[in-house]
Amino acid sequence: MMTHPGKKLNFMGNEIAQIREFDENKENDWFLLEYPIHDAFHKYIQALNQLVTTNEAFYKIDYSWDGFKWIDVDNKNNNIFIYQRMSENQKFIIVLNFSKR
């Protein structure tokens, strides 16, 4: 989702891998950051946000085919998708592996 074109939508609590559903009447369960797995996930989301916001290929040409190109869209034998995100100054090749290996 973070490297695919379009604006990003992340519901409150997802950035810390909150277990319960978001409730507008309660604060997020920030105490979860005391647990290593939740803290690591929070740092992972921070790193993804940093990647996307500091590389124009992921946001500059968001609503045009000029910023996106499929490379491998039908590789069912290997369970992968490959695409390119680009801007005038940058190019990234994204490989998504959906296999159990």
Protein backbone atom coordinates (compact mmCIF):
# COMPACT_ATOMS: atom_id res chain seq x y z
CA MET A 1 0.00 0.00 0.00
CA MET A 2 2.76 2.45 0.87
CA THR A 3 4.50 2.18 -2.49
CA HIS A 4 1.35 1.89 -4.62
CA PRO A 5 -0.02 5.09 -6.19
CA GLY A 6 -2.62 7.12 -4.35
CA LYS A 7 -2.88 8.72 -0.96
CA LYS A 8 -2.30 6.55 2.08
CA LEU A 9 -5.02 5.68 4.58
CA ASN A 10 -4.05 4.32 7.97
CA PHE A 11 -6.66 4.06 10.70
CA MET A 12 -5.82 5.27 14.19
CA GLY A 13 -4.07 2.60 16.21
CA ASN A 14 -2.71 0.71 13.21
CA GLU A 15 0.67 2.39 13.61
CA ILE A 16 1.18 0.58 16.94
CA ALA A 17 -0.58 -2.68 15.95
CA GLN A 18 -3.36 -1.97 18.38
CA ILE A 19 -5.32 -5.12 19.16
CA ARG A 20 -8.75 -3.67 19.83
CA GLU A 21 -10.81 -1.75 17.31
CA PHE A 22 -10.44 2.03 17.36
CA ASP A 23 -12.94 3.75 19.62
CA GLU A 24 -13.38 7.51 19.29
CA ASN A 25 -14.33 7.66 22.98
CA LYS A 26 -11.02 6.19 24.17
CA GLU A 27 -7.38 7.05 23.71
CA ASN A 28 -5.20 4.69 21.67
CA ASP A 29 -3.50 1.96 23.68
CA TRP A 30 -0.10 3.66 23.77
CA PHE A 31 1.01 1.33 26.59
CA LEU A 32 1.42 -1.32 23.86
CA LEU A 33 4.69 0.39 22.87
CA GLU A 34 6.18 -1.11 26.05
CA TYR A 35 6.00 -4.51 24.30
CA PRO A 36 8.86 -5.19 21.85
CA ILE A 37 6.63 -6.46 19.02
CA HIS A 38 4.41 -3.36 19.10
CA ASP A 39 7.37 -1.01 19.44
CA ALA A 40 9.10 -2.71 16.49
CA PHE A 41 5.94 -2.40 14.38
CA HIS A 42 5.69 1.29 15.28
CA LYS A 43 9.29 1.81 14.14
CA TYR A 44 8.54 -0.11 10.93
CA ILE A 45 5.61 2.20 10.13
CA GLN A 46 7.81 5.23 10.88
CA ALA A 47 10.45 3.92 8.46
CA LEU A 48 7.83 3.34 5.75
CA ASN A 49 6.47 6.86 6.23
CA GLN A 50 10.02 8.23 6.00
CA LEU A 51 10.66 6.27 2.79
CA VAL A 52 7.48 7.54 1.14
CA THR A 53 7.73 11.18 2.21
CA THR A 54 11.42 11.62 1.34
CA ASN A 55 11.32 10.06 -2.13
CA GLU A 56 9.30 11.97 -4.69
CA ALA A 57 8.79 8.90 -6.87
CA PHE A 58 6.23 7.72 -4.30
CA TYR A 59 4.13 10.88 -4.22
CA LYS A 60 4.90 13.39 -6.97
CA ILE A 61 3.06 11.70 -9.87
CA ASP A 62 0.37 9.98 -7.84
CA TYR A 63 -2.61 10.10 -10.20
CA SER A 64 -1.07 9.44 -13.59
CA TRP A 65 0.36 6.43 -15.38
CA ASP A 66 3.51 8.55 -15.86
CA GLY A 67 4.50 7.68 -12.27
CA PHE A 68 3.65 3.97 -12.34
CA LYS A 69 4.50 1.02 -14.60
CA TRP A 70 3.67 -2.65 -14.20
CA ILE A 71 6.67 -4.91 -14.79
CA ASP A 72 5.25 -8.30 -13.77
CA VAL A 73 1.54 -8.43 -12.97
CA ASP A 74 0.65 -12.05 -13.70
CA ASN A 75 3.29 -14.22 -12.07
CA LYS A 76 1.06 -16.73 -10.30
CA ASN A 77 3.76 -19.43 -10.24
CA ASN A 78 6.03 -17.33 -8.03
CA ASN A 79 3.28 -15.30 -6.31
CA ILE A 80 4.94 -11.97 -7.00
CA PHE A 81 4.03 -8.57 -8.37
CA ILE A 82 6.67 -6.19 -9.68
CA TYR A 83 6.12 -2.57 -10.57
CA GLN A 84 8.04 0.65 -10.96
CA ARG A 85 7.36 3.98 -9.27
CA MET A 86 9.04 6.99 -10.79
CA SER A 87 9.30 10.73 -11.00
CA GLU A 88 11.49 12.92 -13.18
CA ASN A 89 14.44 12.35 -10.84
CA GLN A 90 13.90 8.92 -9.30
CA LYS A 91 12.97 5.33 -10.12
CA PHE A 92 12.16 2.50 -7.73
CA ILE A 93 11.44 -1.12 -8.58
CA ILE A 94 9.00 -2.66 -6.11
CA VAL A 95 8.91 -6.47 -5.73
CA LEU A 96 6.08 -7.90 -3.64
CA ASN A 97 6.41 -11.54 -2.67
CA PHE A 98 3.15 -13.18 -1.60
CA SER A 99 4.50 -16.73 -1.35
CA LYS A 100 4.94 -18.70 1.85
CA ARG A 101 8.66 -19.12 1.08
